C-alpha atoms as a PDB file:
ATOM      1  CA  MET A   1       4.839 -26.886  -9.447  1.00  0.00           C
ATOM      2  CA  SER A   2       6.386 -23.423  -9.528  1.00  0.00           C
ATOM      3  CA  ALA A   3       6.961 -21.904 -12.935  1.00  0.00           C
ATOM      4  CA  PHE A   4      10.550 -21.464 -14.046  1.00  0.00           C
ATOM      5  CA  LYS A   5      12.306 -19.720 -16.891  1.00  0.00           C
ATOM      6  CA  ASP A   6      14.773 -21.487 -19.148  1.00  0.00           C
ATOM      7  CA  HIS A   7      18.226 -19.942 -18.893  1.00  0.00           C
ATOM      8  CA  PHE A   8      21.063 -20.836 -21.234  1.00  0.00           C
ATOM      9  CA  PHE A   9      24.624 -19.579 -20.815  1.00  0.00           C
ATOM     10  CA  GLN A  10      27.977 -20.035 -22.526  1.00  0.00           C
ATOM     11  CA  THR A  11      30.966 -21.572 -20.798  1.00  0.00           C
ATOM     12  CA  GLN A  12      34.498 -20.264 -21.308  1.00  0.00           C
ATOM     13  CA  ASP A  13      35.234 -23.241 -23.567  1.00  0.00           C
ATOM     14  CA  GLY A  14      32.181 -22.620 -25.730  1.00  0.00           C
ATOM     15  CA  LEU A  15      29.517 -25.025 -24.506  1.00  0.00           C
ATOM     16  CA  ARG A  16      25.895 -23.972 -24.056  1.00  0.00           C
ATOM     17  CA  LEU A  17      24.627 -25.030 -20.643  1.00  0.00           C
ATOM     18  CA  TYR A  18      21.122 -24.948 -19.223  1.00  0.00           C
ATOM     19  CA  ALA A  19      19.539 -23.964 -15.911  1.00  0.00           C
ATOM     20  CA  ARG A  20      16.042 -23.658 -14.565  1.00  0.00           C
ATOM     21  CA  ASP A  21      15.504 -20.207 -13.044  1.00  0.00           C
ATOM     22  CA  TYR A  22      12.660 -20.013 -10.513  1.00  0.00           C
ATOM     23  CA  PRO A  23      11.852 -16.401  -9.591  1.00  0.00           C
ATOM     24  CA  GLY A  24      11.653 -15.654  -5.891  1.00  0.00           C
ATOM     25  CA  PRO A  25       9.014 -13.628  -4.085  1.00  0.00           C
ATOM     26  CA  ASP A  26      10.632 -10.379  -5.268  1.00  0.00           C
ATOM     27  CA  ASP A  27      13.539  -9.078  -7.355  1.00  0.00           C
ATOM     28  CA  ASN A  28      15.808  -8.796  -4.303  1.00  0.00           C
ATOM     29  CA  ALA A  29      15.245 -12.335  -3.026  1.00  0.00           C
ATOM     30  CA  PRO A  30      18.404 -14.210  -2.020  1.00  0.00           C
ATOM     31  CA  VAL A  31      19.480 -17.056  -4.303  1.00  0.00           C
ATOM     32  CA  VAL A  32      19.630 -20.806  -3.729  1.00  0.00           C
ATOM     33  CA  LEU A  33      21.700 -22.871  -6.164  1.00  0.00           C
ATOM     34  CA  CYS A  34      20.667 -26.551  -6.421  1.00  0.00           C
ATOM     35  CA  LEU A  35      23.385 -28.896  -7.686  1.00  0.00           C
ATOM     36  CA  HIS A  36      22.480 -32.401  -8.856  1.00  0.00           C
ATOM     37  CA  GLY A  37      24.397 -35.679  -8.679  1.00  0.00           C
ATOM     38  CA  LEU A  38      26.645 -37.412 -11.196  1.00  0.00           C
ATOM     39  CA  THR A  39      24.069 -38.816 -13.622  1.00  0.00           C
ATOM     40  CA  ARG A  40      21.168 -36.563 -12.768  1.00  0.00           C
ATOM     41  CA  ASN A  41      19.555 -33.346 -13.963  1.00  0.00           C
ATOM     42  CA  SER A  42      17.390 -30.410 -12.905  1.00  0.00           C
ATOM     43  CA  ARG A  43      14.274 -32.569 -12.481  1.00  0.00           C
ATOM     44  CA  ASP A  44      15.744 -33.952  -9.243  1.00  0.00           C
ATOM     45  CA  PHE A  45      14.725 -30.764  -7.440  1.00  0.00           C
ATOM     46  CA  GLN A  46      11.291 -30.169  -8.975  1.00  0.00           C
ATOM     47  CA  GLU A  47       9.480 -31.123  -5.771  1.00  0.00           C
ATOM     48  CA  LEU A  48      11.765 -29.113  -3.492  1.00  0.00           C
ATOM     49  CA  THR A  49      11.838 -25.912  -5.535  1.00  0.00           C
ATOM     50  CA  PRO A  50       8.210 -24.748  -4.932  1.00  0.00           C
ATOM     51  CA  ALA A  51       8.887 -24.560  -1.187  1.00  0.00           C
ATOM     52  CA  LEU A  52      12.238 -22.831  -1.730  1.00  0.00           C
ATOM     53  CA  ALA A  53      10.768 -20.358  -4.229  1.00  0.00           C
ATOM     54  CA  ASP A  54       8.482 -18.963  -1.509  1.00  0.00           C
ATOM     55  CA  HIS A  55      11.618 -17.402  -0.017  1.00  0.00           C
ATOM     56  CA  PHE A  56      14.371 -17.509  -2.661  1.00  0.00           C
ATOM     57  CA  ARG A  57      15.187 -17.223  -6.305  1.00  0.00           C
ATOM     58  CA  VAL A  58      16.217 -20.771  -7.167  1.00  0.00           C
ATOM     59  CA  LEU A  59      18.705 -21.756  -9.859  1.00  0.00           C
ATOM     60  CA  VAL A  60      18.861 -25.408 -10.899  1.00  0.00           C
ATOM     61  CA  PRO A  61      21.584 -25.926 -13.516  1.00  0.00           C
ATOM     62  CA  GLU A  62      22.324 -29.051 -15.512  1.00  0.00           C
ATOM     63  CA  GLN A  63      26.041 -29.806 -15.672  1.00  0.00           C
ATOM     64  CA  ARG A  64      27.745 -30.302 -19.020  1.00  0.00           C
ATOM     65  CA  GLY A  65      26.789 -33.664 -20.480  1.00  0.00           C
ATOM     66  CA  ARG A  66      23.445 -33.782 -18.655  1.00  0.00           C
ATOM     67  CA  GLY A  67      19.885 -32.932 -19.610  1.00  0.00           C
ATOM     68  CA  ARG A  68      19.548 -29.931 -21.917  1.00  0.00           C
ATOM     69  CA  SER A  69      23.180 -28.862 -21.505  1.00  0.00           C
ATOM     70  CA  ASP A  70      25.663 -29.556 -24.296  1.00  0.00           C
ATOM     71  CA  TYR A  71      27.733 -32.733 -24.264  1.00  0.00           C
ATOM     72  CA  ASP A  72      31.505 -32.259 -24.275  1.00  0.00           C
ATOM     73  CA  ASP A  73      33.763 -33.817 -26.914  1.00  0.00           C
ATOM     74  CA  ASP A  74      36.731 -33.509 -24.534  1.00  0.00           C
ATOM     75  CA  LEU A  75      36.001 -36.160 -21.917  1.00  0.00           C
ATOM     76  CA  SER A  76      38.714 -34.839 -19.588  1.00  0.00           C
ATOM     77  CA  ARG A  77      36.420 -31.876 -18.918  1.00  0.00           C
ATOM     78  CA  TYR A  78      33.839 -34.141 -17.292  1.00  0.00           C
ATOM     79  CA  ALA A  79      35.509 -33.317 -13.986  1.00  0.00           C
ATOM     80  CA  LEU A  80      34.561 -31.761 -10.666  1.00  0.00           C
ATOM     81  CA  LEU A  81      36.647 -28.607 -10.974  1.00  0.00           C
ATOM     82  CA  GLN A  82      35.338 -27.996 -14.487  1.00  0.00           C
ATOM     83  CA  TYR A  83      31.767 -28.190 -13.225  1.00  0.00           C
ATOM     84  CA  VAL A  84      32.717 -25.745 -10.464  1.00  0.00           C
ATOM     85  CA  GLU A  85      34.107 -23.284 -13.013  1.00  0.00           C
ATOM     86  CA  ASP A  86      30.923 -23.675 -15.060  1.00  0.00           C
ATOM     87  CA  MET A  87      28.825 -22.761 -12.012  1.00  0.00           C
ATOM     88  CA  ARG A  88      31.031 -19.770 -11.313  1.00  0.00           C
ATOM     89  CA  GLY A  89      30.362 -18.757 -14.913  1.00  0.00           C
ATOM     90  CA  LEU A  90      26.604 -19.110 -14.446  1.00  0.00           C
ATOM     91  CA  LEU A  91      26.614 -16.901 -11.374  1.00  0.00           C
ATOM     92  CA  SER A  92      28.826 -14.317 -13.042  1.00  0.00           C
ATOM     93  CA  ASP A  93      26.537 -14.348 -16.090  1.00  0.00           C
ATOM     94  CA  LEU A  94      23.594 -13.480 -13.839  1.00  0.00           C
ATOM     95  CA  GLY A  95      25.485 -11.010 -11.650  1.00  0.00           C
ATOM     96  CA  ILE A  96      25.001 -13.110  -8.506  1.00  0.00           C
ATOM     97  CA  LYS A  97      27.620 -12.633  -5.798  1.00  0.00           C
ATOM     98  CA  GLN A  98      26.353 -14.924  -3.027  1.00  0.00           C
ATOM     99  CA  VAL A  99      24.293 -18.109  -2.885  1.00  0.00           C
ATOM    100  CA  ALA A 100      23.064 -20.745  -0.517  1.00  0.00           C
ATOM    101  CA  ILE A 101      23.572 -24.203  -2.014  1.00  0.00           C
ATOM    102  CA  VAL A 102      21.693 -27.478  -1.892  1.00  0.00           C
ATOM    103  CA  GLY A 103      24.096 -30.077  -3.270  1.00  0.00           C
ATOM    104  CA  THR A 104      23.258 -33.739  -3.785  1.00  0.00           C
ATOM    105  CA  SER A 105      26.143 -36.223  -3.977  1.00  0.00           C
ATOM    106  CA  MET A 106      28.486 -34.797  -6.653  1.00  0.00           C
ATOM    107  CA  GLY A 107      26.707 -31.478  -6.109  1.00  0.00           C
ATOM    108  CA  GLY A 108      27.812 -31.594  -2.471  1.00  0.00           C
ATOM    109  CA  LEU A 109      31.433 -32.071  -3.503  1.00  0.00           C
ATOM    110  CA  MET A 110      31.025 -29.128  -5.877  1.00  0.00           C
ATOM    111  CA  THR A 111      29.778 -27.098  -2.912  1.00  0.00           C
ATOM    112  CA  PHE A 112      32.971 -27.858  -0.966  1.00  0.00           C
ATOM    113  CA  ALA A 113      35.061 -26.711  -3.938  1.00  0.00           C
ATOM    114  CA  LEU A 114      33.025 -23.577  -4.723  1.00  0.00           C
ATOM    115  CA  ASN A 115      33.315 -22.469  -1.120  1.00  0.00           C
ATOM    116  CA  ALA A 116      37.055 -23.150  -0.886  1.00  0.00           C
ATOM    117  CA  LEU A 117      37.930 -21.555  -4.209  1.00  0.00           C
ATOM    118  CA  TYR A 118      35.629 -18.552  -3.870  1.00  0.00           C
ATOM    119  CA  PRO A 119      35.546 -17.498  -0.201  1.00  0.00           C
ATOM    120  CA  GLY A 120      32.402 -15.572   0.697  1.00  0.00           C
ATOM    121  CA  LEU A 121      30.378 -16.980  -2.198  1.00  0.00           C
ATOM    122  CA  VAL A 122      28.512 -19.657  -0.215  1.00  0.00           C
ATOM    123  CA  THR A 123      26.343 -18.332   2.622  1.00  0.00           C
ATOM    124  CA  ARG A 124      24.755 -21.640   3.717  1.00  0.00           C
ATOM    125  CA  ALA A 125      25.046 -25.215   2.525  1.00  0.00           C
ATOM    126  CA  VAL A 126      22.797 -28.257   2.518  1.00  0.00           C
ATOM    127  CA  ILE A 127      24.932 -31.304   1.714  1.00  0.00           C
ATOM    128  CA  ASN A 128      22.914 -34.323   0.616  1.00  0.00           C
ATOM    129  CA  ASP A 129      24.471 -37.705   1.402  1.00  0.00           C
ATOM    130  CA  ILE A 130      28.112 -37.125   0.559  1.00  0.00           C
ATOM    131  CA  GLY A 131      31.351 -36.456   2.379  1.00  0.00           C
ATOM    132  CA  PRO A 132      35.097 -36.216   1.727  1.00  0.00           C
ATOM    133  CA  GLU A 133      35.426 -40.000   2.086  1.00  0.00           C
ATOM    134  CA  ILE A 134      33.306 -41.859  -0.452  1.00  0.00           C
ATOM    135  CA  ALA A 135      32.673 -45.441   0.617  1.00  0.00           C
ATOM    136  CA  GLU A 136      34.143 -47.861  -1.902  1.00  0.00           C
ATOM    137  CA  VAL A 137      31.122 -50.157  -1.974  1.00  0.00           C
ATOM    138  CA  GLY A 138      28.879 -47.282  -3.025  1.00  0.00           C
ATOM    139  CA  LEU A 139      31.378 -45.884  -5.501  1.00  0.00           C
ATOM    140  CA  ASN A 140      31.765 -49.282  -7.144  1.00  0.00           C
ATOM    141  CA  ARG A 141      27.994 -49.608  -7.390  1.00  0.00           C
ATOM    142  CA  ILE A 142      27.804 -46.276  -9.206  1.00  0.00           C
ATOM    143  CA  LYS A 143      30.705 -47.144 -11.511  1.00  0.00           C
ATOM    144  CA  SER A 144      28.936 -50.402 -12.412  1.00  0.00           C
ATOM    145  CA  TYR A 145      25.957 -48.690 -14.034  1.00  0.00           C
ATOM    146  CA  VAL A 146      27.067 -45.237 -15.257  1.00  0.00           C
ATOM    147  CA  GLY A 147      26.803 -45.252 -19.041  1.00  0.00           C
ATOM    148  CA  MET A 148      25.629 -48.871 -19.114  1.00  0.00           C
ATOM    149  CA  VAL A 149      21.845 -48.491 -18.670  1.00  0.00           C
ATOM    150  CA  GLY A 150      19.219 -48.850 -21.427  1.00  0.00           C
ATOM    151  CA  PRO A 151      17.913 -48.099 -23.919  1.00  0.00           C
ATOM    152  CA  PHE A 152      14.432 -49.231 -22.960  1.00  0.00           C
ATOM    153  CA  ALA A 153      11.543 -49.985 -25.285  1.00  0.00           C
ATOM    154  CA  ASP A 154       9.092 -47.924 -23.226  1.00  0.00           C
ATOM    155  CA  TRP A 155       8.595 -46.183 -19.898  1.00  0.00           C
ATOM    156  CA  ASP A 156       7.228 -49.303 -18.228  1.00  0.00           C
ATOM    157  CA  GLU A 157      10.407 -51.208 -19.026  1.00  0.00           C
ATOM    158  CA  ALA A 158      12.450 -48.319 -17.634  1.00  0.00           C
ATOM    159  CA  ARG A 159      10.387 -48.337 -14.428  1.00  0.00           C
ATOM    160  CA  VAL A 160      10.820 -52.094 -13.981  1.00  0.00           C
ATOM    161  CA  TYR A 161      14.586 -51.806 -14.470  1.00  0.00           C
ATOM    162  CA  LEU A 162      14.908 -48.934 -11.993  1.00  0.00           C
ATOM    163  CA  LYS A 163      12.883 -50.794  -9.389  1.00  0.00           C
ATOM    164  CA  SER A 164      15.003 -53.926  -9.780  1.00  0.00           C
ATOM    165  CA  ALA A 165      18.290 -51.978  -9.636  1.00  0.00           C
ATOM    166  CA  SER A 166      17.412 -49.587  -6.804  1.00  0.00           C
ATOM    167  CA  ALA A 167      14.912 -51.398  -4.569  1.00  0.00           C
ATOM    168  CA  GLU A 168      17.433 -51.463  -1.700  1.00  0.00           C
ATOM    169  CA  ILE A 169      17.804 -47.680  -1.912  1.00  0.00           C
ATOM    170  CA  PHE A 170      14.080 -46.943  -1.684  1.00  0.00           C
ATOM    171  CA  PRO A 171      12.561 -50.076  -0.105  1.00  0.00           C
ATOM    172  CA  ASP A 172       9.202 -48.473   0.684  1.00  0.00           C
ATOM    173  CA  TRP A 173       8.440 -46.979  -2.734  1.00  0.00           C
ATOM    174  CA  GLN A 174       5.313 -47.905  -4.667  1.00  0.00           C
ATOM    175  CA  ASP A 175       5.078 -48.298  -8.455  1.00  0.00           C
ATOM    176  CA  VAL A 176       3.883 -44.711  -8.929  1.00  0.00           C
ATOM    177  CA  GLN A 177       7.079 -43.448  -7.266  1.00  0.00           C
ATOM    178  CA  TRP A 178       9.237 -45.679  -9.468  1.00  0.00           C
ATOM    179  CA  ALA A 179       7.394 -44.358 -12.531  1.00  0.00           C
ATOM    180  CA  ASP A 180       8.005 -40.753 -11.450  1.00  0.00           C
ATOM    181  CA  PHE A 181      11.668 -41.581 -10.798  1.00  0.00           C
ATOM    182  CA  ALA A 182      12.031 -43.049 -14.297  1.00  0.00           C
ATOM    183  CA  HIS A 183      10.814 -39.750 -15.766  1.00  0.00           C
ATOM    184  CA  GLN A 184      13.402 -37.912 -13.660  1.00  0.00           C
ATOM    185  CA  CYS A 185      16.286 -40.122 -14.765  1.00  0.00           C
ATOM    186  CA  TYR A 186      15.484 -40.842 -18.406  1.00  0.00           C
ATOM    187  CA  VAL A 187      14.223 -39.121 -21.543  1.00  0.00           C
ATOM    188  CA  GLU A 188      12.406 -40.335 -24.649  1.00  0.00           C
ATOM    189  CA  ARG A 189      14.200 -39.895 -27.975  1.00  0.00           C
ATOM    190  CA  ASP A 190      13.559 -41.557 -31.337  1.00  0.00           C
ATOM    191  CA  GLY A 191      11.027 -43.946 -29.874  1.00  0.00           C
ATOM    192  CA  GLN A 192      13.319 -45.178 -27.114  1.00  0.00           C
ATOM    193  CA  VAL A 193      13.726 -44.312 -23.443  1.00  0.00           C
ATOM    194  CA  ILE A 194      17.379 -43.531 -22.731  1.00  0.00           C
ATOM    195  CA  VAL A 195      19.558 -42.051 -19.988  1.00  0.00           C
ATOM    196  CA  ASP A 196      19.431 -38.250 -19.918  1.00  0.00           C
ATOM    197  CA  TYR A 197      23.199 -37.819 -19.841  1.00  0.00           C
ATOM    198  CA  ASP A 198      26.251 -38.453 -21.989  1.00  0.00           C
ATOM    199  CA  PRO A 199      27.248 -42.094 -21.288  1.00  0.00           C
ATOM    200  CA  ARG A 200      30.875 -41.020 -21.664  1.00  0.00           C
ATOM    201  CA  ILE A 201      30.833 -39.224 -18.284  1.00  0.00           C
ATOM    202  CA  ALA A 202      31.777 -42.665 -16.910  1.00  0.00           C
ATOM    203  CA  GLU A 203      35.210 -42.659 -18.530  1.00  0.00           C
ATOM    204  CA  PRO A 204      36.972 -40.078 -16.309  1.00  0.00           C
ATOM    205  CA  LEU A 205      35.244 -41.611 -13.267  1.00  0.00           C
ATOM    206  CA  ALA A 206      36.860 -44.993 -13.906  1.00  0.00           C
ATOM    207  CA  ALA A 207      40.343 -43.471 -13.652  1.00  0.00           C
ATOM    208  CA  GLU A 208      39.912 -41.700 -10.296  1.00  0.00           C
ATOM    209  CA  ASN A 209      42.063 -42.674  -7.339  1.00  0.00           C
ATOM    210  CA  ASN A 210      39.826 -42.714  -4.272  1.00  0.00           C
ATOM    211  CA  ASP A 211      42.615 -42.217  -1.704  1.00  0.00           C
ATOM    212  CA  THR A 212      44.065 -39.189  -3.468  1.00  0.00           C
ATOM    213  CA  GLU A 213      40.576 -37.771  -3.930  1.00  0.00           C
ATOM    214  CA  ALA A 214      39.826 -38.100  -0.207  1.00  0.00           C
ATOM    215  CA  ASP A 215      42.899 -36.073   0.791  1.00  0.00           C
ATOM    216  CA  ALA A 216      41.927 -33.287  -1.589  1.00  0.00           C
ATOM    217  CA  LEU A 217      38.271 -33.370  -0.526  1.00  0.00           C
ATOM    218  CA  TRP A 218      39.107 -33.151   3.181  1.00  0.00           C
ATOM    219  CA  SER A 219      41.175 -30.062   2.409  1.00  0.00           C
ATOM    220  CA  LEU A 220      38.212 -28.521   0.617  1.00  0.00           C
ATOM    221  CA  PHE A 221      35.793 -29.525   3.353  1.00  0.00           C
ATOM    222  CA  ALA A 222      37.946 -27.884   6.031  1.00  0.00           C
ATOM    223  CA  ALA A 223      36.945 -24.491   4.629  1.00  0.00           C
ATOM    224  CA  MET A 224      33.261 -25.394   5.184  1.00  0.00           C
ATOM    225  CA  SER A 225      33.708 -24.951   8.948  1.00  0.00           C
ATOM    226  CA  ALA A 226      33.012 -21.238   8.481  1.00  0.00           C
ATOM    227  CA  VAL A 227      29.762 -21.882   6.577  1.00  0.00           C
ATOM    228  CA  PRO A 228      26.504 -22.815   8.349  1.00  0.00           C
ATOM    229  CA  SER A 229      25.815 -26.325   7.065  1.00  0.00           C
ATOM    230  CA  LEU A 230      23.194 -29.061   7.198  1.00  0.00           C
ATOM    231  CA  LEU A 231      24.303 -32.588   6.323  1.00  0.00           C
ATOM    232  CA  ILE A 232      21.543 -34.942   5.186  1.00  0.00           C
ATOM    233  CA  ARG A 233      22.257 -38.679   5.299  1.00  0.00           C
ATOM    234  CA  GLY A 234      20.122 -41.548   4.071  1.00  0.00           C
ATOM    235  CA  GLU A 235      19.910 -44.167   6.805  1.00  0.00           C
ATOM    236  CA  LEU A 236      20.610 -46.937   4.245  1.00  0.00           C
ATOM    237  CA  THR A 237      23.288 -45.088   2.262  1.00  0.00           C
ATOM    238  CA  ASP A 238      26.265 -47.019   0.913  1.00  0.00           C
ATOM    239  CA  LEU A 239      28.242 -43.874   0.066  1.00  0.00           C
ATOM    240  CA  LEU A 240      28.482 -41.910   3.326  1.00  0.00           C
ATOM    241  CA  THR A 241      29.598 -43.920   6.354  1.00  0.00           C
ATOM    242  CA  GLU A 242      28.764 -43.035   9.946  1.00  0.00           C
ATOM    243  CA  SER A 243      32.489 -42.765  10.695  1.00  0.00           C
ATOM    244  CA  CYS A 244      32.877 -40.178   7.918  1.00  0.00           C
ATOM    245  CA  VAL A 245      29.953 -38.203   9.360  1.00  0.00           C
ATOM    246  CA  ALA A 246      31.607 -38.286  12.797  1.00  0.00           C
ATOM    247  CA  LYS A 247      34.872 -36.973  11.353  1.00  0.00           C
ATOM    248  CA  MET A 248      32.997 -34.258   9.421  1.00  0.00           C
ATOM    249  CA  CYS A 249      31.384 -33.157  12.686  1.00  0.00           C
ATOM    250  CA  GLU A 250      34.845 -32.893  14.279  1.00  0.00           C
ATOM    251  CA  VAL A 251      36.016 -30.640  11.444  1.00  0.00           C
ATOM    252  CA  HIS A 252      32.742 -28.665  11.418  1.00  0.00           C
ATOM    253  CA  PRO A 253      31.370 -28.823  15.004  1.00  0.00           C
ATOM    254  CA  ASP A 254      28.419 -26.537  14.237  1.00  0.00           C
ATOM    255  CA  MET A 255      27.163 -28.633  11.313  1.00  0.00           C
ATOM    256  CA  ALA A 256      23.644 -29.988  11.776  1.00  0.00           C
ATOM    257  CA  VAL A 257      22.967 -33.585  10.730  1.00  0.00           C
ATOM    258  CA  LEU A 258      19.600 -34.955   9.566  1.00  0.00           C
ATOM    259  CA  SER A 259      19.111 -38.698   9.089  1.00  0.00           C
ATOM    260  CA  VAL A 260      16.431 -39.802   6.622  1.00  0.00           C
ATOM    261  CA  PRO A 261      15.016 -43.197   7.646  1.00  0.00           C
ATOM    262  CA  ARG A 262      14.510 -46.084   5.224  1.00  0.00           C
ATOM    263  CA  VAL A 263      16.339 -44.357   2.341  1.00  0.00           C
ATOM    264  CA  GLY A 264      19.707 -45.035   0.726  1.00  0.00           C
ATOM    265  CA  HIS A 265      21.841 -42.881  -1.574  1.00  0.00           C
ATOM    266  CA  ALA A 266      20.622 -40.335  -2.073  1.00  0.00           C
ATOM    267  CA  PRO A 267      17.513 -38.954  -0.366  1.00  0.00           C
ATOM    268  CA  MET A 268      15.172 -37.280  -2.854  1.00  0.00           C
ATOM    269  CA  LEU A 269      14.617 -34.414  -0.355  1.00  0.00           C
ATOM    270  CA  ASN A 270      10.834 -34.851  -0.613  1.00  0.00           C
ATOM    271  CA  GLU A 271      10.728 -37.379   2.232  1.00  0.00           C
ATOM    272  CA  SER A 272       8.579 -36.605   5.279  1.00  0.00           C
ATOM    273  CA  GLY A 273       9.883 -33.531   7.077  1.00  0.00           C
ATOM    274  CA  VAL A 274      12.976 -33.094   4.891  1.00  0.00           C
ATOM    275  CA  THR A 275      11.739 -30.216   2.710  1.00  0.00           C
ATOM    276  CA  GLU A 276      10.561 -28.409   5.840  1.00  0.00           C
ATOM    277  CA  ALA A 277      13.927 -28.957   7.547  1.00  0.00           C
ATOM    278  CA  ILE A 278      15.797 -27.565   4.532  1.00  0.00           C
ATOM    279  CA  CYS A 279      13.584 -24.474   4.325  1.00  0.00           C
ATOM    280  CA  GLU A 280      13.875 -23.877   8.058  1.00  0.00           C
ATOM    281  CA  PHE A 281      17.654 -24.149   7.905  1.00  0.00           C
ATOM    282  CA  LEU A 282      18.032 -21.895   4.857  1.00  0.00           C
ATOM    283  CA  THR A 283      15.740 -19.186   6.220  1.00  0.00           C
ATOM    284  CA  ALA A 284      17.204 -19.169   9.751  1.00  0.00           C
END
């Protein structure tokens, strides 16, 4: 695993947020920004980053309310555009003017918004299993568990729960992979294994109107047509429909699409050939 430095930065509203900072091959290396999903953290990219760091400086932030970043007392700020402003703040803090982005799920939506709001910022984009239309069945599945999981007595109990809840997403995984996944999703505190995010991030999510969101997201995605993009889709995903992918390809005819077999939402990006495809696309 590549070594990284801990980087903390202040947001405009006074929170202290965290990012892993993997140095590239030299001081002038271009930057890749890796953006995690709704309930996730920087550990999601720990298997991808060594390959990326051969070519790029890699920044892997944790959004407010996740991992080592501060939790927010104002729940209304657990919102997509707030996370986008936080990322703009991170890049400004480090003096970075352009980035390629790897965005998983919510991180992909953030990529759409960063590109639309800050033209010229995003040079290339890898969008992992998300589109402007979020399938209701998948969204309802996510809403059903956010903030509701655990605590667990030990890591084995956490692994068993994850396997039972997510077996349809990763049907070919063995117990060692479920154990690794548990350590990505959860953290041990005060003798218990708990989710590594603020359970209250679920509250703003419950109030979102999916139809209104889709209109706004399509507007943001339209600006992506000028950005070289790779869309990754899990073959078993319940969040990104084939019809949405087809419409995205109409809006962005040059977008490449990679299907990951036998995986649901969202691919871990360490599946066979996926890391290589991402590196090839980002270095083209």
